[in-house]
């Protein structure tokens, strides 16, 4: 029997949306390839299937509550410094008593404008 994870991919409005979209696709692909089931908003439910706003959080909460008996843990992925308020609201309001793993992608230091 494989584990099922609730996946929250956070997005922040003033960072590139493409990072969140591509990261969600990659996370879904990797988790499913490893045999895990995933509960996550679809791109039709929220923009790109990510959580950025209060409305997105409410949709994700409803999805998590609908699947609460299946979800063994929550993975939070923050590819572009996703909005912490929407993410924390989703976790808190879902009332799931499961472990939470926070995941981030490594920065490409050559792509950053640092002194």
N, C-alpha and C. Protein backbone atom coordinates (compact mmCIF):
# COMPACT_ATOMS: atom_id res chain seq x y z
N UNK A 1 0.85 -1.18 0.00
CA UNK A 1 0.00 0.00 0.00
C UNK A 1 0.89 1.24 0.00
N UNK A 2 0.69 2.12 -0.95
CA UNK A 2 1.53 3.31 -1.03
C UNK A 2 0.94 4.45 -0.20
N UNK A 3 1.80 5.37 0.14
CA UNK A 3 1.37 6.54 0.90
C UNK A 3 0.74 7.57 -0.03
N UNK A 4 -0.11 8.40 0.55
CA UNK A 4 -0.74 9.49 -0.18
C UNK A 4 -0.33 10.79 0.48
N UNK A 5 0.12 11.73 -0.33
CA UNK A 5 0.54 13.03 0.18
C UNK A 5 -0.37 14.13 -0.34
N UNK A 6 -0.71 15.05 0.54
CA UNK A 6 -1.32 16.30 0.12
C UNK A 6 -0.18 17.20 -0.31
N UNK A 7 -0.26 17.75 -1.50
CA UNK A 7 0.81 18.60 -2.03
C UNK A 7 0.33 20.04 -2.14
N UNK A 8 1.07 20.93 -1.50
CA UNK A 8 0.82 22.37 -1.61
C UNK A 8 2.04 22.98 -2.28
N UNK A 9 1.86 23.49 -3.48
CA UNK A 9 2.92 24.23 -4.15
C UNK A 9 2.57 25.70 -4.00
N UNK A 10 3.40 26.42 -3.27
CA UNK A 10 3.14 27.83 -3.01
C UNK A 10 3.62 28.71 -4.16
N UNK A 11 2.97 29.84 -4.31
CA UNK A 11 3.35 30.82 -5.33
C UNK A 11 3.26 32.21 -4.71
N UNK A 12 4.14 33.09 -5.12
CA UNK A 12 4.10 34.48 -4.67
C UNK A 12 3.92 35.34 -5.90
N UNK A 13 2.95 36.25 -5.84
CA UNK A 13 2.49 36.97 -7.03
C UNK A 13 3.55 37.78 -7.76
N UNK A 14 4.57 38.29 -7.08
CA UNK A 14 5.53 39.12 -7.80
C UNK A 14 6.79 38.37 -8.24
N UNK A 15 6.82 37.06 -8.02
CA UNK A 15 7.89 36.24 -8.55
C UNK A 15 7.37 35.50 -9.78
N UNK A 16 8.27 34.99 -10.63
CA UNK A 16 7.83 34.34 -11.87
C UNK A 16 6.91 33.15 -11.62
N UNK A 17 5.69 33.22 -12.18
CA UNK A 17 4.72 32.14 -12.07
C UNK A 17 5.23 30.85 -12.69
N UNK A 18 6.05 30.98 -13.71
CA UNK A 18 6.56 29.81 -14.41
C UNK A 18 7.28 28.85 -13.46
N UNK A 19 7.98 29.40 -12.47
CA UNK A 19 8.67 28.54 -11.50
C UNK A 19 7.68 27.65 -10.75
N UNK A 20 6.58 28.23 -10.32
CA UNK A 20 5.57 27.46 -9.59
C UNK A 20 4.90 26.43 -10.50
N UNK A 21 4.56 26.83 -11.71
CA UNK A 21 3.91 25.90 -12.65
C UNK A 21 4.81 24.70 -12.94
N UNK A 22 6.06 24.99 -13.31
CA UNK A 22 6.99 23.92 -13.66
C UNK A 22 7.32 23.04 -12.45
N UNK A 23 7.43 23.65 -11.30
CA UNK A 23 7.75 22.90 -10.08
C UNK A 23 6.62 21.95 -9.70
N UNK A 24 5.38 22.41 -9.84
CA UNK A 24 4.24 21.53 -9.54
C UNK A 24 4.28 20.32 -10.46
N UNK A 25 4.50 20.55 -11.74
CA UNK A 25 4.56 19.45 -12.69
C UNK A 25 5.66 18.46 -12.31
N UNK A 26 6.83 18.99 -11.95
CA UNK A 26 7.95 18.13 -11.58
C UNK A 26 7.66 17.35 -10.30
N UNK A 27 7.10 18.00 -9.30
CA UNK A 27 6.78 17.32 -8.04
C UNK A 27 5.75 16.21 -8.28
N UNK A 28 4.72 16.50 -9.05
CA UNK A 28 3.70 15.49 -9.34
C UNK A 28 4.33 14.29 -10.05
N UNK A 29 5.16 14.57 -11.05
CA UNK A 29 5.78 13.50 -11.82
C UNK A 29 6.67 12.62 -10.95
N UNK A 30 7.51 13.24 -10.13
CA UNK A 30 8.44 12.49 -9.28
C UNK A 30 7.69 11.66 -8.24
N UNK A 31 6.72 12.27 -7.56
CA UNK A 31 5.98 11.54 -6.53
C UNK A 31 5.23 10.35 -7.13
N UNK A 32 4.58 10.56 -8.26
CA UNK A 32 3.83 9.47 -8.89
C UNK A 32 4.76 8.39 -9.42
N UNK A 33 5.91 8.80 -9.96
CA UNK A 33 6.90 7.83 -10.45
C UNK A 33 7.39 6.93 -9.31
N UNK A 34 7.50 7.51 -8.12
CA UNK A 34 7.96 6.74 -6.95
C UNK A 34 6.83 5.93 -6.31
N UNK A 35 5.65 5.98 -6.90
CA UNK A 35 4.55 5.15 -6.44
C UNK A 35 3.62 5.77 -5.41
N UNK A 36 3.78 7.07 -5.16
CA UNK A 36 2.92 7.75 -4.19
C UNK A 36 1.68 8.30 -4.89
N UNK A 37 0.60 8.36 -4.15
CA UNK A 37 -0.60 9.05 -4.62
C UNK A 37 -0.52 10.49 -4.14
N UNK A 38 -1.09 11.41 -4.91
CA UNK A 38 -0.98 12.84 -4.59
C UNK A 38 -2.36 13.48 -4.65
N UNK A 39 -2.66 14.27 -3.62
CA UNK A 39 -3.87 15.09 -3.58
C UNK A 39 -3.41 16.53 -3.69
N UNK A 40 -3.81 17.19 -4.77
CA UNK A 40 -3.33 18.54 -5.05
C UNK A 40 -4.35 19.22 -5.96
N UNK A 41 -4.56 20.52 -5.78
CA UNK A 41 -5.47 21.20 -6.71
C UNK A 41 -5.00 21.02 -8.16
N UNK A 42 -5.95 20.92 -9.05
CA UNK A 42 -5.62 20.82 -10.47
C UNK A 42 -5.43 22.22 -11.05
N UNK A 43 -4.80 22.31 -12.22
CA UNK A 43 -4.68 23.62 -12.88
C UNK A 43 -6.03 24.25 -13.22
N UNK A 44 -7.08 23.45 -13.24
CA UNK A 44 -8.42 23.99 -13.47
C UNK A 44 -9.03 24.57 -12.19
N UNK A 45 -8.59 24.07 -11.05
CA UNK A 45 -9.13 24.53 -9.76
C UNK A 45 -8.47 25.82 -9.27
N UNK A 46 -7.16 25.90 -9.44
CA UNK A 46 -6.42 27.12 -9.09
C UNK A 46 -5.46 27.40 -10.24
N UNK A 47 -4.96 28.61 -10.32
CA UNK A 47 -4.03 28.94 -11.40
C UNK A 47 -2.79 28.05 -11.28
N UNK A 48 -2.57 27.24 -12.28
CA UNK A 48 -1.46 26.29 -12.37
C UNK A 48 -1.56 25.16 -11.34
N UNK A 49 -2.65 25.10 -10.55
CA UNK A 49 -2.76 24.07 -9.52
C UNK A 49 -1.93 24.38 -8.29
N UNK A 50 -1.58 25.66 -8.11
CA UNK A 50 -0.77 26.07 -6.96
C UNK A 50 -1.61 26.88 -5.98
N UNK A 51 -1.07 27.14 -4.80
CA UNK A 51 -1.78 27.88 -3.76
C UNK A 51 -1.08 29.22 -3.56
N UNK A 52 -1.81 30.30 -3.83
CA UNK A 52 -1.25 31.65 -3.72
C UNK A 52 -2.16 32.58 -2.92
N UNK A 53 -3.45 32.39 -3.02
CA UNK A 53 -4.41 33.33 -2.44
C UNK A 53 -5.28 32.63 -1.39
N UNK A 54 -6.07 33.43 -0.69
CA UNK A 54 -7.04 32.89 0.26
C UNK A 54 -8.03 31.98 -0.45
N UNK A 55 -8.47 32.37 -1.65
CA UNK A 55 -9.40 31.54 -2.42
C UNK A 55 -8.76 30.20 -2.79
N UNK A 56 -7.49 30.23 -3.18
CA UNK A 56 -6.78 28.98 -3.48
C UNK A 56 -6.70 28.11 -2.23
N UNK A 57 -6.39 28.73 -1.10
CA UNK A 57 -6.29 27.98 0.16
C UNK A 57 -7.61 27.28 0.48
N UNK A 58 -8.72 27.99 0.32
CA UNK A 58 -10.03 27.39 0.62
C UNK A 58 -10.30 26.19 -0.30
N UNK A 59 -9.93 26.30 -1.56
CA UNK A 59 -10.13 25.19 -2.49
C UNK A 59 -9.27 23.99 -2.11
N UNK A 60 -8.03 24.26 -1.72
CA UNK A 60 -7.13 23.18 -1.32
C UNK A 60 -7.60 22.54 -0.02
N UNK A 61 -8.08 23.34 0.92
CA UNK A 61 -8.62 22.82 2.18
C UNK A 61 -9.78 21.87 1.89
N UNK A 62 -10.69 22.27 1.03
CA UNK A 62 -11.84 21.42 0.68
C UNK A 62 -11.37 20.09 0.09
N UNK A 63 -10.37 20.15 -0.77
CA UNK A 63 -9.83 18.95 -1.39
C UNK A 63 -9.17 18.05 -0.34
N UNK A 64 -8.41 18.64 0.57
CA UNK A 64 -7.76 17.86 1.62
C UNK A 64 -8.80 17.24 2.56
N UNK A 65 -9.83 17.98 2.91
CA UNK A 65 -10.87 17.44 3.79
C UNK A 65 -11.62 16.29 3.11
N UNK A 66 -11.85 16.44 1.82
CA UNK A 66 -12.53 15.39 1.05
C UNK A 66 -11.71 14.10 1.03
N UNK A 67 -10.39 14.24 1.14
CA UNK A 67 -9.48 13.09 1.06
C UNK A 67 -8.75 12.83 2.37
N UNK A 68 -9.27 13.33 3.48
CA UNK A 68 -8.54 13.27 4.75
C UNK A 68 -8.21 11.85 5.21
N UNK A 69 -9.04 10.89 4.88
CA UNK A 69 -8.77 9.51 5.30
C UNK A 69 -7.61 8.90 4.52
N UNK A 70 -7.28 9.46 3.38
CA UNK A 70 -6.21 8.94 2.53
C UNK A 70 -4.87 9.60 2.80
N UNK A 71 -4.87 10.87 3.20
CA UNK A 71 -3.63 11.66 3.27
C UNK A 71 -2.79 11.27 4.48
N UNK A 72 -1.55 10.82 4.19
CA UNK A 72 -0.61 10.39 5.23
C UNK A 72 0.35 11.49 5.64
N UNK A 73 0.48 12.51 4.83
CA UNK A 73 1.39 13.61 5.11
C UNK A 73 1.18 14.72 4.10
N UNK A 74 1.70 15.89 4.43
CA UNK A 74 1.61 17.05 3.53
C UNK A 74 3.02 17.44 3.12
N UNK A 75 3.18 17.69 1.83
CA UNK A 75 4.44 18.23 1.31
C UNK A 75 4.15 19.65 0.85
N UNK A 76 4.93 20.59 1.37
CA UNK A 76 4.84 22.00 0.97
C UNK A 76 6.07 22.28 0.12
N UNK A 77 5.87 22.69 -1.11
CA UNK A 77 6.98 23.04 -2.00
C UNK A 77 6.92 24.53 -2.31
N UNK A 78 8.04 25.19 -2.13
CA UNK A 78 8.10 26.65 -2.29
C UNK A 78 9.16 27.02 -3.34
N UNK A 79 8.81 26.89 -4.61
CA UNK A 79 9.79 27.13 -5.67
C UNK A 79 10.15 28.60 -5.86
N UNK A 80 9.29 29.52 -5.43
CA UNK A 80 9.58 30.95 -5.63
C UNK A 80 9.15 31.76 -4.39
N UNK A 81 9.56 31.28 -3.23
CA UNK A 81 9.20 31.95 -1.97
C UNK A 81 7.68 32.09 -1.86
N UNK A 82 6.98 30.98 -2.08
CA UNK A 82 5.52 30.97 -2.07
C UNK A 82 4.90 31.69 -0.88
N UNK A 83 3.69 32.15 -1.08
CA UNK A 83 3.00 32.92 -0.06
C UNK A 83 2.75 32.07 1.19
N UNK A 84 3.40 32.46 2.29
CA UNK A 84 3.30 31.66 3.52
C UNK A 84 1.92 31.73 4.16
N UNK A 85 1.20 32.81 3.98
CA UNK A 85 -0.13 32.94 4.59
C UNK A 85 -1.09 31.93 3.98
N UNK A 86 -1.15 31.87 2.66
CA UNK A 86 -2.05 30.91 2.01
C UNK A 86 -1.65 29.47 2.34
N UNK A 87 -0.35 29.22 2.38
CA UNK A 87 0.14 27.88 2.71
C UNK A 87 -0.22 27.49 4.14
N UNK A 88 0.06 28.37 5.09
CA UNK A 88 -0.23 28.05 6.49
C UNK A 88 -1.74 27.96 6.74
N UNK A 89 -2.53 28.80 6.07
CA UNK A 89 -3.98 28.71 6.20
C UNK A 89 -4.48 27.35 5.71
N UNK A 90 -3.92 26.88 4.62
CA UNK A 90 -4.32 25.58 4.07
C UNK A 90 -4.05 24.47 5.08
N UNK A 91 -2.86 24.47 5.65
CA UNK A 91 -2.51 23.43 6.62
C UNK A 91 -3.38 23.52 7.86
N UNK A 92 -3.51 24.71 8.40
CA UNK A 92 -4.26 24.91 9.65
C UNK A 92 -5.73 24.54 9.47
N UNK A 93 -6.35 25.03 8.41
CA UNK A 93 -7.79 24.83 8.22
C UNK A 93 -8.15 23.41 7.75
N UNK A 94 -7.17 22.68 7.25
CA UNK A 94 -7.46 21.31 6.81
C UNK A 94 -7.69 20.38 8.00
N UNK A 95 -7.19 20.78 9.18
CA UNK A 95 -7.34 19.98 10.40
C UNK A 95 -6.72 18.59 10.29
N UNK A 96 -5.78 18.42 9.39
CA UNK A 96 -5.10 17.14 9.27
C UNK A 96 -4.02 17.04 10.35
N UNK A 97 -3.98 15.93 11.02
CA UNK A 97 -2.96 15.67 12.04
C UNK A 97 -1.92 14.74 11.43
N UNK A 98 -1.16 15.27 10.47
CA UNK A 98 -0.17 14.47 9.75
C UNK A 98 1.15 15.25 9.69
N UNK A 99 2.26 14.54 9.45
CA UNK A 99 3.54 15.24 9.30
C UNK A 99 3.53 16.18 8.10
N UNK A 100 4.33 17.24 8.20
CA UNK A 100 4.47 18.22 7.11
C UNK A 100 5.95 18.31 6.75
N UNK A 101 6.24 18.14 5.47
CA UNK A 101 7.60 18.29 4.95
C UNK A 101 7.63 19.55 4.11
N UNK A 102 8.58 20.43 4.40
CA UNK A 102 8.75 21.65 3.60
C UNK A 102 9.90 21.41 2.64
N UNK A 103 9.63 21.59 1.36
CA UNK A 103 10.60 21.33 0.29
C UNK A 103 10.88 22.63 -0.46
N UNK A 104 12.12 22.81 -0.84
CA UNK A 104 12.48 23.96 -1.69
C UNK A 104 13.46 23.48 -2.75
N UNK A 105 13.42 24.13 -3.88
CA UNK A 105 14.37 23.82 -4.95
C UNK A 105 15.65 24.61 -4.72
N UNK A 106 16.80 24.07 -5.10
CA UNK A 106 18.05 24.82 -4.93
C UNK A 106 18.10 26.03 -5.86
N UNK A 107 18.74 27.08 -5.38
CA UNK A 107 18.93 28.27 -6.21
C UNK A 107 20.06 28.04 -7.19
N UNK A 108 19.93 28.61 -8.37
CA UNK A 108 21.01 28.64 -9.34
C UNK A 108 21.74 29.95 -9.10
N UNK A 109 22.83 29.89 -8.35
CA UNK A 109 23.52 31.12 -7.94
C UNK A 109 24.00 31.95 -9.13
N UNK A 110 24.28 31.31 -10.25
CA UNK A 110 24.72 32.05 -11.43
C UNK A 110 23.58 32.87 -12.03
N UNK A 111 22.33 32.51 -11.71
CA UNK A 111 21.18 33.22 -12.25
C UNK A 111 20.71 34.35 -11.34
N UNK A 112 21.30 34.43 -10.15
CA UNK A 112 20.91 35.47 -9.20
C UNK A 112 21.78 36.70 -9.37
N UNK A 113 21.19 37.84 -9.16
CA UNK A 113 21.91 39.11 -9.25
C UNK A 113 22.41 39.49 -7.86
N UNK A 114 23.54 38.88 -7.48
CA UNK A 114 24.11 39.11 -6.15
C UNK A 114 25.44 39.85 -6.27
N UNK A 115 25.74 40.68 -5.28
CA UNK A 115 27.04 41.40 -5.32
C UNK A 115 28.20 40.47 -5.11
